[in-house]
N, C-alpha and C. Protein backbone atom coordinates (compact mmCIF):
# COMPACT_ATOMS: atom_id res chain seq x y z
N MET A 1 7.49 -0.26 -30.63
CA MET A 1 7.09 1.12 -30.54
C MET A 1 6.39 1.34 -29.21
N SER A 2 6.87 2.27 -28.43
CA SER A 2 6.25 2.54 -27.13
C SER A 2 5.07 3.49 -27.29
N ASN A 3 4.27 3.58 -26.24
CA ASN A 3 3.13 4.50 -26.28
C ASN A 3 3.59 5.93 -26.53
N LYS A 4 4.76 6.28 -26.04
CA LYS A 4 5.28 7.62 -26.23
C LYS A 4 5.56 7.88 -27.70
N GLU A 5 5.97 6.83 -28.41
CA GLU A 5 6.27 6.97 -29.82
C GLU A 5 5.00 7.06 -30.67
N VAL A 6 3.94 6.48 -30.18
CA VAL A 6 2.66 6.56 -30.88
C VAL A 6 2.07 7.92 -30.59
N ASP A 7 1.69 8.63 -31.62
CA ASP A 7 1.19 10.00 -31.46
C ASP A 7 -0.27 9.99 -31.02
N ILE A 8 -0.48 9.89 -29.71
CA ILE A 8 -1.83 9.84 -29.16
C ILE A 8 -2.57 11.14 -29.44
N ASP A 9 -1.86 12.26 -29.40
CA ASP A 9 -2.51 13.53 -29.70
C ASP A 9 -3.08 13.53 -31.12
N ARG A 10 -2.33 12.94 -32.04
CA ARG A 10 -2.80 12.88 -33.43
C ARG A 10 -4.01 11.94 -33.54
N ILE A 11 -3.98 10.84 -32.82
CA ILE A 11 -5.13 9.92 -32.81
C ILE A 11 -6.38 10.67 -32.33
N ASN A 12 -6.23 11.41 -31.25
CA ASN A 12 -7.36 12.16 -30.69
C ASN A 12 -7.83 13.27 -31.64
N GLU A 13 -6.87 13.92 -32.27
CA GLU A 13 -7.20 14.98 -33.23
C GLU A 13 -8.03 14.42 -34.39
N LEU A 14 -7.61 13.27 -34.90
CA LEU A 14 -8.34 12.65 -36.01
C LEU A 14 -9.73 12.17 -35.56
N ALA A 15 -9.83 11.67 -34.34
CA ALA A 15 -11.13 11.22 -33.82
C ALA A 15 -12.09 12.41 -33.71
N LYS A 16 -11.59 13.52 -33.23
CA LYS A 16 -12.42 14.73 -33.10
C LYS A 16 -12.87 15.22 -34.47
N LYS A 17 -11.93 15.23 -35.41
CA LYS A 17 -12.26 15.69 -36.76
C LYS A 17 -13.29 14.77 -37.41
N LYS A 18 -13.15 13.47 -37.16
CA LYS A 18 -14.09 12.50 -37.74
C LYS A 18 -15.51 12.80 -37.26
N LYS A 19 -15.65 13.12 -35.98
CA LYS A 19 -16.98 13.43 -35.42
C LYS A 19 -17.53 14.75 -35.98
N GLU A 20 -16.64 15.72 -36.15
CA GLU A 20 -17.09 17.06 -36.54
C GLU A 20 -17.35 17.20 -38.03
N THR A 21 -16.37 16.80 -38.84
CA THR A 21 -16.48 17.06 -40.28
C THR A 21 -16.23 15.84 -41.15
N GLY A 22 -15.75 14.78 -40.56
CA GLY A 22 -15.40 13.60 -41.35
C GLY A 22 -13.94 13.63 -41.75
N LEU A 23 -13.45 12.49 -42.19
CA LEU A 23 -12.04 12.36 -42.56
C LEU A 23 -11.91 12.11 -44.06
N THR A 24 -10.80 12.57 -44.59
CA THR A 24 -10.47 12.20 -45.97
C THR A 24 -10.02 10.75 -45.96
N GLU A 25 -9.89 10.18 -47.13
CA GLU A 25 -9.44 8.79 -47.23
C GLU A 25 -8.04 8.64 -46.63
N ALA A 26 -7.18 9.60 -46.90
CA ALA A 26 -5.81 9.54 -46.38
C ALA A 26 -5.80 9.65 -44.86
N GLU A 27 -6.64 10.52 -44.32
CA GLU A 27 -6.72 10.67 -42.86
C GLU A 27 -7.28 9.41 -42.21
N ALA A 28 -8.25 8.78 -42.85
CA ALA A 28 -8.82 7.55 -42.31
C ALA A 28 -7.77 6.45 -42.27
N LYS A 29 -6.95 6.37 -43.31
CA LYS A 29 -5.86 5.38 -43.33
C LYS A 29 -4.85 5.68 -42.24
N GLU A 30 -4.51 6.96 -42.09
CA GLU A 30 -3.56 7.37 -41.05
C GLU A 30 -4.11 7.01 -39.67
N GLN A 31 -5.39 7.29 -39.45
CA GLN A 31 -6.02 6.99 -38.16
C GLN A 31 -5.96 5.50 -37.88
N SER A 32 -6.25 4.70 -38.88
CA SER A 32 -6.22 3.25 -38.72
C SER A 32 -4.81 2.77 -38.37
N LYS A 33 -3.80 3.29 -39.06
CA LYS A 33 -2.41 2.89 -38.79
C LYS A 33 -1.99 3.31 -37.39
N LEU A 34 -2.35 4.52 -36.99
CA LEU A 34 -1.98 5.01 -35.66
C LEU A 34 -2.65 4.18 -34.57
N ARG A 35 -3.92 3.86 -34.77
CA ARG A 35 -4.63 3.06 -33.78
C ARG A 35 -4.02 1.67 -33.66
N GLU A 36 -3.68 1.07 -34.79
CA GLU A 36 -3.08 -0.27 -34.77
C GLU A 36 -1.72 -0.23 -34.07
N ALA A 37 -0.92 0.80 -34.34
CA ALA A 37 0.38 0.94 -33.68
C ALA A 37 0.20 1.09 -32.18
N TYR A 38 -0.80 1.89 -31.78
CA TYR A 38 -1.07 2.08 -30.35
C TYR A 38 -1.47 0.76 -29.70
N LEU A 39 -2.36 0.01 -30.34
CA LEU A 39 -2.81 -1.27 -29.77
C LEU A 39 -1.66 -2.25 -29.66
N GLN A 40 -0.81 -2.32 -30.66
CA GLN A 40 0.35 -3.22 -30.60
C GLN A 40 1.26 -2.84 -29.44
N SER A 41 1.49 -1.56 -29.28
CA SER A 41 2.34 -1.08 -28.20
C SER A 41 1.73 -1.40 -26.84
N PHE A 42 0.43 -1.17 -26.71
CA PHE A 42 -0.26 -1.45 -25.45
C PHE A 42 -0.19 -2.94 -25.12
N ARG A 43 -0.48 -3.78 -26.11
CA ARG A 43 -0.47 -5.23 -25.88
C ARG A 43 0.92 -5.72 -25.49
N LYS A 44 1.94 -5.18 -26.14
CA LYS A 44 3.31 -5.58 -25.83
C LYS A 44 3.65 -5.21 -24.38
N GLY A 45 3.32 -4.00 -23.97
CA GLY A 45 3.60 -3.57 -22.61
C GLY A 45 2.83 -4.37 -21.58
N PHE A 46 1.57 -4.67 -21.88
CA PHE A 46 0.74 -5.44 -20.97
C PHE A 46 1.29 -6.86 -20.83
N LYS A 47 1.69 -7.45 -21.94
CA LYS A 47 2.25 -8.80 -21.91
C LYS A 47 3.52 -8.84 -21.06
N GLN A 48 4.39 -7.84 -21.24
CA GLN A 48 5.61 -7.78 -20.44
C GLN A 48 5.29 -7.64 -18.96
N GLN A 49 4.30 -6.85 -18.65
CA GLN A 49 3.91 -6.66 -17.25
C GLN A 49 3.41 -7.97 -16.65
N ILE A 50 2.57 -8.68 -17.37
CA ILE A 50 2.04 -9.96 -16.89
C ILE A 50 3.17 -10.98 -16.73
N GLU A 51 4.08 -11.01 -17.69
CA GLU A 51 5.17 -11.98 -17.65
C GLU A 51 6.16 -11.71 -16.52
N ASN A 52 6.11 -10.53 -15.95
CA ASN A 52 7.02 -10.20 -14.86
C ASN A 52 6.31 -10.11 -13.51
N THR A 53 5.15 -10.73 -13.42
CA THR A 53 4.35 -10.67 -12.20
C THR A 53 4.23 -12.04 -11.56
N ARG A 54 4.50 -12.10 -10.28
CA ARG A 54 4.28 -13.32 -9.50
C ARG A 54 3.08 -13.07 -8.60
N VAL A 55 2.25 -14.10 -8.43
CA VAL A 55 1.05 -13.99 -7.60
C VAL A 55 1.26 -14.84 -6.35
N ILE A 56 1.16 -14.19 -5.20
CA ILE A 56 1.35 -14.86 -3.91
C ILE A 56 0.05 -14.75 -3.13
N ASP A 57 -0.46 -15.90 -2.65
CA ASP A 57 -1.70 -15.87 -1.88
C ASP A 57 -1.42 -15.41 -0.45
N PRO A 58 -2.45 -15.17 0.35
CA PRO A 58 -2.26 -14.66 1.72
C PRO A 58 -1.41 -15.57 2.61
N GLU A 59 -1.33 -16.85 2.26
CA GLU A 59 -0.53 -17.78 3.06
C GLU A 59 0.92 -17.85 2.60
N GLY A 60 1.27 -17.07 1.59
CA GLY A 60 2.65 -17.04 1.13
C GLY A 60 2.97 -18.03 0.02
N ASN A 61 1.97 -18.71 -0.50
CA ASN A 61 2.19 -19.68 -1.58
C ASN A 61 2.21 -18.98 -2.93
N ASP A 62 3.14 -19.41 -3.77
CA ASP A 62 3.21 -18.88 -5.13
C ASP A 62 2.10 -19.53 -5.96
N VAL A 63 1.11 -18.75 -6.35
CA VAL A 63 -0.01 -19.27 -7.14
C VAL A 63 -0.02 -18.66 -8.55
N THR A 64 1.16 -18.29 -9.00
CA THR A 64 1.31 -17.76 -10.35
C THR A 64 0.90 -18.83 -11.35
N PRO A 65 0.10 -18.48 -12.36
CA PRO A 65 -0.27 -19.47 -13.37
C PRO A 65 0.97 -20.11 -14.02
N ASP A 66 0.88 -21.40 -14.33
CA ASP A 66 2.02 -22.14 -14.87
C ASP A 66 2.59 -21.50 -16.13
N LYS A 67 1.73 -21.01 -17.00
CA LYS A 67 2.19 -20.41 -18.25
C LYS A 67 3.07 -19.19 -17.96
N VAL A 68 2.69 -18.40 -16.98
CA VAL A 68 3.48 -17.22 -16.62
C VAL A 68 4.79 -17.66 -15.97
N LYS A 69 4.74 -18.70 -15.12
CA LYS A 69 5.96 -19.22 -14.49
C LYS A 69 6.96 -19.67 -15.55
N GLN A 70 6.47 -20.34 -16.59
CA GLN A 70 7.36 -20.80 -17.66
C GLN A 70 8.04 -19.62 -18.33
N LYS A 71 7.30 -18.57 -18.61
CA LYS A 71 7.87 -17.38 -19.24
C LYS A 71 8.91 -16.73 -18.33
N LEU A 72 8.61 -16.65 -17.03
CA LEU A 72 9.56 -16.08 -16.08
C LEU A 72 10.84 -16.91 -16.02
N ASP A 73 10.68 -18.24 -16.00
CA ASP A 73 11.85 -19.12 -15.97
C ASP A 73 12.68 -18.98 -17.23
N GLU A 74 12.02 -18.91 -18.39
CA GLU A 74 12.74 -18.74 -19.65
C GLU A 74 13.50 -17.42 -19.65
N LYS A 75 12.85 -16.38 -19.17
CA LYS A 75 13.49 -15.06 -19.12
C LYS A 75 14.71 -15.09 -18.20
N ASN A 76 14.56 -15.71 -17.03
CA ASN A 76 15.68 -15.80 -16.09
C ASN A 76 16.84 -16.58 -16.67
N GLU A 77 16.55 -17.68 -17.38
CA GLU A 77 17.61 -18.48 -18.01
C GLU A 77 18.34 -17.66 -19.06
N THR A 78 17.60 -16.91 -19.86
CA THR A 78 18.20 -16.08 -20.89
C THR A 78 19.08 -15.01 -20.27
N GLU A 79 18.61 -14.39 -19.20
CA GLU A 79 19.40 -13.36 -18.52
C GLU A 79 20.67 -13.95 -17.93
N GLN A 80 20.58 -15.15 -17.36
CA GLN A 80 21.76 -15.81 -16.80
C GLN A 80 22.76 -16.13 -17.89
N ASP A 81 22.28 -16.62 -19.03
CA ASP A 81 23.16 -16.93 -20.15
C ASP A 81 23.84 -15.66 -20.66
N ASN A 82 23.10 -14.57 -20.73
CA ASN A 82 23.66 -13.30 -21.19
C ASN A 82 24.70 -12.77 -20.22
N ASN A 83 24.50 -12.99 -18.93
CA ASN A 83 25.45 -12.52 -17.92
C ASN A 83 26.74 -13.31 -17.94
N LYS A 84 26.68 -14.57 -18.40
CA LYS A 84 27.88 -15.41 -18.48
C LYS A 84 28.80 -14.94 -19.60
N ASN A 85 28.21 -14.35 -20.63
CA ASN A 85 29.00 -13.92 -21.80
C ASN A 85 29.62 -12.61 -21.57
């Protein structure tokens, strides 16, 4: 679920209502579900961004953390395999 799919306006609406008048039990559950969906979407996007980032120092050396390099290599291998088919 992308951030666009998560109804941020509804999250904000429920937060405002909570401050002003309080939420019903159903609204509190909805707020919790929406927030969790938003966090999952954010974390997924952030992870993808990190996994697609290479870090190069001023001298031109690749100083990308090994864990990220492994993910990049795995992704490249998968893409190459998919292109062969």
